Structures are given as C-alpha cells and as structure tokens.
PDB file of N, CA and C in Angstrom:
ATOM      1  N   MET A   1     109.855 193.554-110.172  1.00  0.00           N
ATOM      2  CA  MET A   1     110.779 194.033-111.188  1.00  0.00           C
ATOM      3  C   MET A   1     110.513 193.257-112.472  1.00  0.00           C
ATOM      4  N   GLU A   2     110.404 193.974-113.563  1.00  0.00           N
ATOM      5  CA  GLU A   2     110.165 193.353-114.860  1.00  0.00           C
ATOM      6  C   GLU A   2     111.446 193.404-115.689  1.00  0.00           C
ATOM      7  N   GLY A   3     111.718 192.338-116.401  1.00  0.00           N
ATOM      8  CA  GLY A   3     112.904 192.272-117.248  1.00  0.00           C
ATOM      9  C   GLY A   3     112.632 191.425-118.480  1.00  0.00           C
ATOM     10  N   TYR A   4     113.620 191.345-119.373  1.00  0.00           N
ATOM     11  CA  TYR A   4     113.484 190.578-120.606  1.00  0.00           C
ATOM     12  C   TYR A   4     114.106 189.195-120.423  1.00  0.00           C
ATOM     13  N   CYS A   5     113.318 188.164-120.683  1.00  0.00           N
ATOM     14  CA  CYS A   5     113.814 186.790-120.608  1.00  0.00           C
ATOM     15  C   CYS A   5     114.252 186.361-122.007  1.00  0.00           C
ATOM     16  N   VAL A   6     115.505 185.945-122.134  1.00  0.00           N
ATOM     17  CA  VAL A   6     116.050 185.544-123.424  1.00  0.00           C
ATOM     18  C   VAL A   6     115.435 184.224-123.884  1.00  0.00           C
ATOM     19  N   LYS A   7     115.157 183.340-122.958  1.00  0.00           N
ATOM     20  CA  LYS A   7     114.590 182.039-123.314  1.00  0.00           C
ATOM     21  C   LYS A   7     113.130 182.162-123.764  1.00  0.00           C
ATOM     22  N   CYS A   8     112.325 182.934-123.035  1.00  0.00           N
ATOM     23  CA  CYS A   8     110.913 183.135-123.401  1.00  0.00           C
ATOM     24  C   CYS A   8     110.757 184.134-124.542  1.00  0.00           C
ATOM     25  N   ARG A   9     111.770 184.950-124.772  1.00  0.00           N
ATOM     26  CA  ARG A   9     111.746 186.032-125.768  1.00  0.00           C
ATOM     27  C   ARG A   9     110.606 187.004-125.520  1.00  0.00           C
ATOM     28  N   ALA A  10     110.402 187.341-124.244  1.00  0.00           N
ATOM     29  CA  ALA A  10     109.353 188.287-123.867  1.00  0.00           C
ATOM     30  C   ALA A  10     109.684 188.899-122.516  1.00  0.00           C
ATOM     31  N   LYS A  11     109.024 190.015-122.204  1.00  0.00           N
ATOM     32  CA  LYS A  11     109.193 190.621-120.890  1.00  0.00           C
ATOM     33  C   LYS A  11     108.381 189.821-119.891  1.00  0.00           C
ATOM     34  N   SER A  12     108.966 189.584-118.717  1.00  0.00           N
ATOM     35  CA  SER A  12     108.243 188.869-117.682  1.00  0.00           C
ATOM     36  C   SER A  12     108.714 189.342-116.315  1.00  0.00           C
ATOM     37  N   GLU A  13     107.976 188.982-115.302  1.00  0.00           N
ATOM     38  CA  GLU A  13     108.285 189.390-113.933  1.00  0.00           C
ATOM     39  C   GLU A  13     109.472 188.595-113.404  1.00  0.00           C
ATOM     40  N   MET A  14     110.350 189.281-112.662  1.00  0.00           N
ATOM     41  CA  MET A  14     111.516 188.644-112.055  1.00  0.00           C
ATOM     42  C   MET A  14     111.154 188.201-110.640  1.00  0.00           C
ATOM     43  N   ILE A  15     111.457 186.954-110.292  1.00  0.00           N
ATOM     44  CA  ILE A  15     111.242 186.494-108.916  1.00  0.00           C
ATOM     45  C   ILE A  15     112.597 186.401-108.223  1.00  0.00           C
ATOM     46  N   ASP A  16     112.601 186.553-106.920  1.00  0.00           N
ATOM     47  CA  ASP A  16     113.822 186.554-106.103  1.00  0.00           C
ATOM     48  C   ASP A  16     114.814 187.599-106.602  1.00  0.00           C
ATOM     49  N   ALA A  17     114.311 188.776-106.997  1.00  0.00           N
ATOM     50  CA  ALA A  17     115.161 189.837-107.533  1.00  0.00           C
ATOM     51  C   ALA A  17     115.983 190.478-106.419  1.00  0.00           C
ATOM     52  N   THR A  18     117.277 190.572-106.647  1.00  0.00           N
ATOM     53  CA  THR A  18     118.174 191.227-105.699  1.00  0.00           C
ATOM     54  C   THR A  18     119.010 192.255-106.439  1.00  0.00           C
ATOM     55  N   GLU A  19     119.340 193.347-105.742  1.00  0.00           N
ATOM     56  CA  GLU A  19     120.158 194.392-106.348  1.00  0.00           C
ATOM     57  C   GLU A  19     121.626 194.044-106.153  1.00  0.00           C
ATOM     58  N   VAL A  20     122.390 194.108-107.226  1.00  0.00           N
ATOM     59  CA  VAL A  20     123.827 193.824-107.174  1.00  0.00           C
ATOM     60  C   VAL A  20     124.580 195.002-107.782  1.00  0.00           C
ATOM     61  N   THR A  21     125.861 195.118-107.443  1.00  0.00           N
ATOM     62  CA  THR A  21     126.717 196.149-108.007  1.00  0.00           C
ATOM     63  C   THR A  21     127.746 195.475-108.903  1.00  0.00           C
ATOM     64  N   MET A  22     127.822 195.945-110.151  1.00  0.00           N
ATOM     65  CA  MET A  22     128.766 195.358-111.095  1.00  0.00           C
ATOM     66  C   MET A  22     130.170 195.891-110.822  1.00  0.00           C
ATOM     67  N   LYS A  23     131.153 195.314-111.492  1.00  0.00           N
ATOM     68  CA  LYS A  23     132.554 195.715-111.304  1.00  0.00           C
ATOM     69  C   LYS A  23     132.787 197.185-111.615  1.00  0.00           C
ATOM     70  N   ASN A  24     132.044 197.728-112.579  1.00  0.00           N
ATOM     71  CA  ASN A  24     132.227 199.128-112.949  1.00  0.00           C
ATOM     72  C   ASN A  24     131.470 200.089-112.039  1.00  0.00           C
ATOM     73  N   GLY A  25     130.778 199.570-111.019  1.00  0.00           N
ATOM     74  CA  GLY A  25     130.089 200.408-110.041  1.00  0.00           C
ATOM     75  C   GLY A  25     128.621 200.656-110.333  1.00  0.00           C
ATOM     76  N   LYS A  26     128.115 200.208-111.474  1.00  0.00           N
ATOM     77  CA  LYS A  26     126.706 200.408-111.803  1.00  0.00           C
ATOM     78  C   LYS A  26     125.841 199.380-111.090  1.00  0.00           C
ATOM     79  N   LYS A  27     124.593 199.772-110.827  1.00  0.00           N
ATOM     80  CA  LYS A  27     123.638 198.887-110.159  1.00  0.00           C
ATOM     81  C   LYS A  27     122.914 198.027-111.188  1.00  0.00           C
ATOM     82  N   ALA A  28     122.531 196.826-110.780  1.00  0.00           N
ATOM     83  CA  ALA A  28     121.782 195.912-111.644  1.00  0.00           C
ATOM     84  C   ALA A  28     120.878 195.044-110.773  1.00  0.00           C
ATOM     85  N   MET A  29     119.875 194.441-111.395  1.00  0.00           N
ATOM     86  CA  MET A  29     118.972 193.521-110.707  1.00  0.00           C
ATOM     87  C   MET A  29     119.197 192.125-111.273  1.00  0.00           C
ATOM     88  N   LYS A  30     119.248 191.156-110.381  1.00  0.00           N
ATOM     89  CA  LYS A  30     119.480 189.768-110.759  1.00  0.00           C
ATOM     90  C   LYS A  30     118.369 188.918-110.163  1.00  0.00           C
ATOM     91  N   GLY A  31     117.763 188.056-110.983  1.00  0.00           N
ATOM     92  CA  GLY A  31     116.679 187.218-110.505  1.00  0.00           C
ATOM     93  C   GLY A  31     116.384 186.082-111.475  1.00  0.00           C
ATOM     94  N   LYS A  32     115.192 185.501-111.332  1.00  0.00           N
ATOM     95  CA  LYS A  32     114.784 184.389-112.180  1.00  0.00           C
ATOM     96  C   LYS A  32     113.462 184.719-112.846  1.00  0.00           C
ATOM     97  N   CYS A  33     113.268 184.162-114.037  1.00  0.00           N
ATOM     98  CA  CYS A  33     112.031 184.350-114.790  1.00  0.00           C
ATOM     99  C   CYS A  33     110.888 183.619-114.078  1.00  0.00           C
ATOM    100  N   SER A  34     109.737 184.305-113.972  1.00  0.00           N
ATOM    101  CA  SER A  34     108.591 183.693-113.289  1.00  0.00           C
ATOM    102  C   SER A  34     107.948 182.585-114.122  1.00  0.00           C
ATOM    103  N   LYS A  35     108.192 182.574-115.446  1.00  0.00           N
ATOM    104  CA  LYS A  35     107.571 181.573-116.318  1.00  0.00           C
ATOM    105  C   LYS A  35     108.420 180.312-116.473  1.00  0.00           C
ATOM    106  N   CYS A  36     109.742 180.488-116.740  1.00  0.00           N
ATOM    107  CA  CYS A  36     110.573 179.319-117.050  1.00  0.00           C
ATOM    108  C   CYS A  36     111.704 179.075-116.044  1.00  0.00           C
ATOM    109  N   GLY A  37     111.998 180.047-115.177  1.00  0.00           N
ATOM    110  CA  GLY A  37     113.034 179.854-114.160  1.00  0.00           C
ATOM    111  C   GLY A  37     114.448 180.174-114.618  1.00  0.00           C
ATOM    112  N   THR A  38     114.610 180.681-115.836  1.00  0.00           N
ATOM    113  CA  THR A  38     115.926 181.041-116.357  1.00  0.00           C
ATOM    114  C   THR A  38     116.445 182.278-115.635  1.00  0.00           C
ATOM    115  N   GLY A  39     117.752 182.363-115.442  1.00  0.00           N
ATOM    116  CA  GLY A  39     118.360 183.518-114.801  1.00  0.00           C
ATOM    117  C   GLY A  39     118.196 184.765-115.640  1.00  0.00           C
ATOM    118  N   MET A  40     117.843 185.877-114.992  1.00  0.00           N
ATOM    119  CA  MET A  40     117.654 187.145-115.680  1.00  0.00           C
ATOM    120  C   MET A  40     118.563 188.194-115.058  1.00  0.00           C
ATOM    121  N   PHE A  41     118.942 189.197-115.856  1.00  0.00           N
ATOM    122  CA  PHE A  41     119.841 190.247-115.402  1.00  0.00           C
ATOM    123  C   PHE A  41     119.400 191.544-116.068  1.00  0.00           C
ATOM    124  N   LYS A  42     119.191 192.603-115.274  1.00  0.00           N
ATOM    125  CA  LYS A  42     118.768 193.894-115.833  1.00  0.00           C
ATOM    126  C   LYS A  42     119.642 194.998-115.263  1.00  0.00           C
ATOM    127  N   ILE A  43     120.296 195.758-116.152  1.00  0.00           N
ATOM    128  CA  ILE A  43     121.118 196.878-115.728  1.00  0.00           C
ATOM    129  C   ILE A  43     120.197 198.070-115.470  1.00  0.00           C
ATOM    130  N   MET A  44     120.344 198.679-114.300  1.00  0.00           N
ATOM    131  CA  MET A  44     119.505 199.804-113.902  1.00  0.00           C
ATOM    132  C   MET A  44     120.054 201.105-114.483  1.00  0.00           C
ATOM    133  N   PRO A  45     119.170 202.065-114.777  1.00  0.00           N
ATOM    134  CA  PRO A  45     119.639 203.348-115.300  1.00  0.00           C
ATOM    135  C   PRO A  45     120.416 204.117-114.241  1.00  0.00           C
ATOM    136  N   SER A  46     121.434 204.838-114.687  1.00  0.00           N
ATOM    137  CA  SER A  46     122.211 205.646-113.740  1.00  0.00           C
ATOM    138  C   SER A  46     121.426 206.898-113.405  1.00  0.00           C
ATOM    139  N   LYS A  47     121.518 207.325-112.161  1.00  0.00           N
ATOM    140  CA  LYS A  47     120.786 208.519-111.728  1.00  0.00           C
ATOM    141  C   LYS A  47     121.658 209.740-111.933  1.00  0.00           C
ATOM    142  N   LYS A  48     121.144 210.667-112.733  1.00  0.00           N
ATOM    143  CA  LYS A  48     121.889 211.894-112.996  1.00  0.00           C
ATOM    144  C   LYS A  48     121.329 213.001-112.117  1.00  0.00           C
ATOM    145  N   SER A  49     122.207 213.779-111.486  1.00  0.00           N
ATOM    146  CA  SER A  49     121.750 214.850-110.625  1.00  0.00           C
ATOM    147  C   SER A  49     121.826 216.184-111.306  1.00  0.00           C
TER     148      SER A  49
END
C-alpha cells in the first residue's frame, strides 16, 4: 500500500499496513512509513455500486 508521508513530504510504501474502520463507517489503511517510520493514514475510496 502506498501513501503520503507528511514527514518525508513524498509518497512512500506503507509497512505493517492494516485496514481499519473509522467512526463514520469508512475504510482506511493505517501503517508506518518505510523510510522514516512515521505513522501513516490513508482513507480508502468508497465503493459505489
């Protein structure tokens, strides 16, 4: 899973990425930056049928 790292200010690969559900019911991915180890969070797009 690729996401944006705020500390590196660039897109990087997420390690230990796990899918979580936010309070509003939307899905998101939570993990750590492969370069600096900072926590990363990416909201997943909602699936429209």
